[in-house]
Amino acid sequence: MLAGDVPPPVQVSSVTSAGIQLADGLILPSACIFLDGKVFLWDVPTCLWDGWGREHWDAFEVVVPKPEILVFGTGRRMELPPPSVRGYLKEMGIQLDIMDTRNACSTYNLLAEEGRRVAAALLPYTPRPWRS
């Protein structure tokens, strides 16, 4: 792949109480990040915003090129992040779009298909630690 090429997107087919289902049928039961055509398990606290720090966004600090947009799915309903999260991502030049996880998955799929440099950070409907 040449530098600057956008890798083929990994698509989400559905979101259920079991987790986030990929187009290939794999179900991810815990939080995950879609970045540069890959999916990563995301080790975040199960209680939204309680115990969250900059270290939970490290993947976006080191990736080159950085995504233009980060679509953040906060579970069953949209929950606004603290200003420190928005500010930190803005410092990195990443636009943060927050929505419930179902809509975040649809938005990610659409933007990825358009070839945009988009990433998704998705929380499942039922919070689970990724090391279960």
C-alpha atoms as a PDB file:
ATOM      1  CA  MET A   1       0.000   0.000   0.000  1.00  0.00           C
ATOM      2  CA  LEU A   2       1.312   3.430  -0.867  1.00  0.00           C
ATOM      3  CA  ALA A   3       1.641   6.127   1.769  1.00  0.00           C
ATOM      4  CA  GLY A   4      -1.542   8.126   1.993  1.00  0.00           C
ATOM      5  CA  ASP A   5      -3.734   5.295   0.678  1.00  0.00           C
ATOM      6  CA  VAL A   6      -6.817   4.591   2.739  1.00  0.00           C
ATOM      7  CA  PRO A   7      -6.959   0.915   3.753  1.00  0.00           C
ATOM      8  CA  PRO A   8     -10.162  -1.010   3.013  1.00  0.00           C
ATOM      9  CA  PRO A   9     -12.678  -0.387   5.768  1.00  0.00           C
ATOM     10  CA  VAL A  10     -13.858  -2.967   8.249  1.00  0.00           C
ATOM     11  CA  GLN A  11     -17.641  -2.751   8.253  1.00  0.00           C
ATOM     12  CA  VAL A  12     -20.087  -3.098  11.148  1.00  0.00           C
ATOM     13  CA  SER A  13     -23.217  -5.070  10.321  1.00  0.00           C
ATOM     14  CA  SER A  14     -25.171  -4.625  13.568  1.00  0.00           C
ATOM     15  CA  VAL A  15     -25.112  -3.717  17.234  1.00  0.00           C
ATOM     16  CA  THR A  16     -26.937  -5.878  19.777  1.00  0.00           C
ATOM     17  CA  SER A  17     -26.770  -6.567  23.504  1.00  0.00           C
ATOM     18  CA  ALA A  18     -24.194  -9.282  22.636  1.00  0.00           C
ATOM     19  CA  GLY A  19     -21.825  -6.709  21.171  1.00  0.00           C
ATOM     20  CA  ILE A  20     -20.735  -5.121  17.904  1.00  0.00           C
ATOM     21  CA  GLN A  21     -21.048  -7.504  14.967  1.00  0.00           C
ATOM     22  CA  LEU A  22     -18.688  -7.099  12.023  1.00  0.00           C
ATOM     23  CA  ALA A  23     -19.692  -7.794   8.424  1.00  0.00           C
ATOM     24  CA  ASP A  24     -17.782 -11.107   8.579  1.00  0.00           C
ATOM     25  CA  GLY A  25     -19.950 -12.271  11.521  1.00  0.00           C
ATOM     26  CA  LEU A  26     -17.404 -11.753  14.307  1.00  0.00           C
ATOM     27  CA  ILE A  27     -18.978 -10.279  17.453  1.00  0.00           C
ATOM     28  CA  LEU A  28     -16.885  -7.934  19.586  1.00  0.00           C
ATOM     29  CA  PRO A  29     -18.442  -7.984  23.080  1.00  0.00           C
ATOM     30  CA  SER A  30     -16.442  -5.078  24.493  1.00  0.00           C
ATOM     31  CA  ALA A  31     -15.273  -1.594  23.512  1.00  0.00           C
ATOM     32  CA  CYS A  32     -13.270  -1.337  20.299  1.00  0.00           C
ATOM     33  CA  ILE A  33     -11.565   1.109  17.973  1.00  0.00           C
ATOM     34  CA  PHE A  34     -11.759   1.003  14.175  1.00  0.00           C
ATOM     35  CA  LEU A  35      -8.627   2.663  12.820  1.00  0.00           C
ATOM     36  CA  ASP A  36      -6.722   2.414   9.533  1.00  0.00           C
ATOM     37  CA  GLY A  37      -8.761  -0.555   8.291  1.00  0.00           C
ATOM     38  CA  LYS A  38      -8.178  -2.539  11.489  1.00  0.00           C
ATOM     39  CA  VAL A  39     -10.134  -3.223  14.665  1.00  0.00           C
ATOM     40  CA  PHE A  40      -8.548  -3.023  18.112  1.00  0.00           C
ATOM     41  CA  LEU A  41      -9.961  -3.995  21.474  1.00  0.00           C
ATOM     42  CA  TRP A  42     -10.141  -0.874  23.622  1.00  0.00           C
ATOM     43  CA  ASP A  43      -9.370  -1.076  27.325  1.00  0.00           C
ATOM     44  CA  VAL A  44     -11.622   1.571  28.882  1.00  0.00           C
ATOM     45  CA  PRO A  45     -13.458   1.764  32.212  1.00  0.00           C
ATOM     46  CA  THR A  46     -16.907   0.167  32.055  1.00  0.00           C
ATOM     47  CA  CYS A  47     -18.510   3.209  33.713  1.00  0.00           C
ATOM     48  CA  LEU A  48     -18.698   6.014  31.162  1.00  0.00           C
ATOM     49  CA  TRP A  49     -16.376   8.931  32.008  1.00  0.00           C
ATOM     50  CA  ASP A  50     -15.572   7.589  35.499  1.00  0.00           C
ATOM     51  CA  GLY A  51     -11.823   6.940  35.501  1.00  0.00           C
ATOM     52  CA  TRP A  52     -11.262   7.976  31.882  1.00  0.00           C
ATOM     53  CA  GLY A  53      -8.006   9.797  31.142  1.00  0.00           C
ATOM     54  CA  ARG A  54      -5.762  10.795  28.264  1.00  0.00           C
ATOM     55  CA  GLU A  55      -4.222   7.321  28.254  1.00  0.00           C
ATOM     56  CA  HIS A  56      -7.479   5.935  26.863  1.00  0.00           C
ATOM     57  CA  TRP A  57      -6.939   7.944  23.671  1.00  0.00           C
ATOM     58  CA  ASP A  58      -3.251   6.971  23.114  1.00  0.00           C
ATOM     59  CA  ALA A  59      -3.976   5.109  19.870  1.00  0.00           C
ATOM     60  CA  PHE A  60      -4.895   8.417  18.237  1.00  0.00           C
ATOM     61  CA  GLU A  61      -1.732  10.074  19.525  1.00  0.00           C
ATOM     62  CA  VAL A  62       0.608   7.664  17.705  1.00  0.00           C
ATOM     63  CA  VAL A  63      -1.184   6.862  14.448  1.00  0.00           C
ATOM     64  CA  VAL A  64       0.011   8.535  11.237  1.00  0.00           C
ATOM     65  CA  PRO A  65      -1.855   9.876   9.407  1.00  0.00           C
ATOM     66  CA  LYS A  66      -4.377  10.833  12.046  1.00  0.00           C
ATOM     67  CA  PRO A  67      -8.046  10.383  11.224  1.00  0.00           C
ATOM     68  CA  GLU A  68      -9.905  13.529  10.182  1.00  0.00           C
ATOM     69  CA  ILE A  69     -12.959  12.412  12.116  1.00  0.00           C
ATOM     70  CA  LEU A  70     -13.457  10.209  15.157  1.00  0.00           C
ATOM     71  CA  VAL A  71     -16.982   8.860  15.411  1.00  0.00           C
ATOM     72  CA  PHE A  72     -17.582   7.991  19.060  1.00  0.00           C
ATOM     73  CA  GLY A  73     -20.468   5.663  19.932  1.00  0.00           C
ATOM     74  CA  THR A  74     -21.293   5.986  23.630  1.00  0.00           C
ATOM     75  CA  GLY A  75     -23.601   2.971  24.000  1.00  0.00           C
ATOM     76  CA  ARG A  76     -27.403   2.887  23.859  1.00  0.00           C
ATOM     77  CA  ARG A  77     -27.686   6.655  24.065  1.00  0.00           C
ATOM     78  CA  MET A  78     -25.493   9.625  23.333  1.00  0.00           C
ATOM     79  CA  GLU A  79     -23.523  10.894  26.331  1.00  0.00           C
ATOM     80  CA  LEU A  80     -21.419  14.029  25.923  1.00  0.00           C
ATOM     81  CA  PRO A  81     -17.780  13.657  26.980  1.00  0.00           C
ATOM     82  CA  PRO A  82     -16.106  16.039  29.402  1.00  0.00           C
ATOM     83  CA  PRO A  83     -14.543  19.132  27.771  1.00  0.00           C
ATOM     84  CA  SER A  84     -11.064  17.709  28.461  1.00  0.00           C
ATOM     85  CA  VAL A  85     -11.691  14.835  26.014  1.00  0.00           C
ATOM     86  CA  ARG A  86     -12.915  17.132  23.248  1.00  0.00           C
ATOM     87  CA  GLY A  87      -9.989  19.499  23.861  1.00  0.00           C
ATOM     88  CA  TYR A  88      -7.410  16.716  23.791  1.00  0.00           C
ATOM     89  CA  LEU A  89      -8.653  15.341  20.474  1.00  0.00           C
ATOM     90  CA  LYS A  90      -8.915  18.844  19.040  1.00  0.00           C
ATOM     91  CA  GLU A  91      -5.245  19.439  19.976  1.00  0.00           C
ATOM     92  CA  MET A  92      -4.425  16.407  17.813  1.00  0.00           C
ATOM     93  CA  GLY A  93      -6.449  17.847  14.924  1.00  0.00           C
ATOM     94  CA  ILE A  94      -9.215  15.238  15.169  1.00  0.00           C
ATOM     95  CA  GLN A  95     -12.871  16.233  14.844  1.00  0.00           C
ATOM     96  CA  LEU A  96     -15.011  14.355  17.392  1.00  0.00           C
ATOM     97  CA  ASP A  97     -18.556  13.342  16.488  1.00  0.00           C
ATOM     98  CA  ILE A  98     -20.511  11.801  19.372  1.00  0.00           C
ATOM     99  CA  MET A  99     -23.645   9.689  19.013  1.00  0.00           C
ATOM    100  CA  ASP A 100     -25.203   6.477  20.243  1.00  0.00           C
ATOM    101  CA  THR A 101     -23.327   3.371  19.091  1.00  0.00           C
ATOM    102  CA  ARG A 102     -25.909   2.233  16.511  1.00  0.00           C
ATOM    103  CA  ASN A 103     -25.768   5.580  14.699  1.00  0.00           C
ATOM    104  CA  ALA A 104     -21.986   5.772  15.137  1.00  0.00           C
ATOM    105  CA  CYS A 105     -21.619   2.426  13.353  1.00  0.00           C
ATOM    106  CA  SER A 106     -23.773   3.596  10.424  1.00  0.00           C
ATOM    107  CA  THR A 107     -21.908   6.888  10.185  1.00  0.00           C
ATOM    108  CA  TYR A 108     -18.529   5.137  10.336  1.00  0.00           C
ATOM    109  CA  ASN A 109     -19.555   2.670   7.590  1.00  0.00           C
ATOM    110  CA  LEU A 110     -20.729   5.511   5.332  1.00  0.00           C
ATOM    111  CA  LEU A 111     -17.644   7.708   5.824  1.00  0.00           C
ATOM    112  CA  ALA A 112     -15.273   4.756   5.430  1.00  0.00           C
ATOM    113  CA  GLU A 113     -16.990   3.718   2.187  1.00  0.00           C
ATOM    114  CA  GLU A 114     -16.535   7.278   0.916  1.00  0.00           C
ATOM    115  CA  GLY A 115     -12.790   6.872   1.505  1.00  0.00           C
ATOM    116  CA  ARG A 116     -12.591   9.418   4.321  1.00  0.00           C
ATOM    117  CA  ARG A 117      -9.870   9.149   6.980  1.00  0.00           C
ATOM    118  CA  VAL A 118     -12.322   8.173   9.687  1.00  0.00           C
ATOM    119  CA  ALA A 119     -11.946   6.213  12.899  1.00  0.00           C
ATOM    120  CA  ALA A 120     -14.585   4.904  15.269  1.00  0.00           C
ATOM    121  CA  ALA A 121     -14.429   4.383  19.010  1.00  0.00           C
ATOM    122  CA  LEU A 122     -17.383   2.205  19.945  1.00  0.00           C
ATOM    123  CA  LEU A 123     -18.802   1.244  23.309  1.00  0.00           C
ATOM    124  CA  PRO A 124     -21.163  -1.752  23.383  1.00  0.00           C
ATOM    125  CA  TYR A 125     -24.713  -1.536  24.701  1.00  0.00           C
ATOM    126  CA  THR A 126     -23.719  -3.655  27.696  1.00  0.00           C
ATOM    127  CA  PRO A 127     -20.402  -2.446  29.174  1.00  0.00           C
ATOM    128  CA  ARG A 128     -17.910  -5.305  29.584  1.00  0.00           C
ATOM    129  CA  PRO A 129     -14.202  -5.344  30.369  1.00  0.00           C
ATOM    130  CA  TRP A 130     -12.184  -6.478  27.355  1.00  0.00           C
ATOM    131  CA  ARG A 131     -10.174  -8.962  29.419  1.00  0.00           C
ATOM    132  CA  SER A 132     -13.031 -11.280  30.324  1.00  0.00           C
END
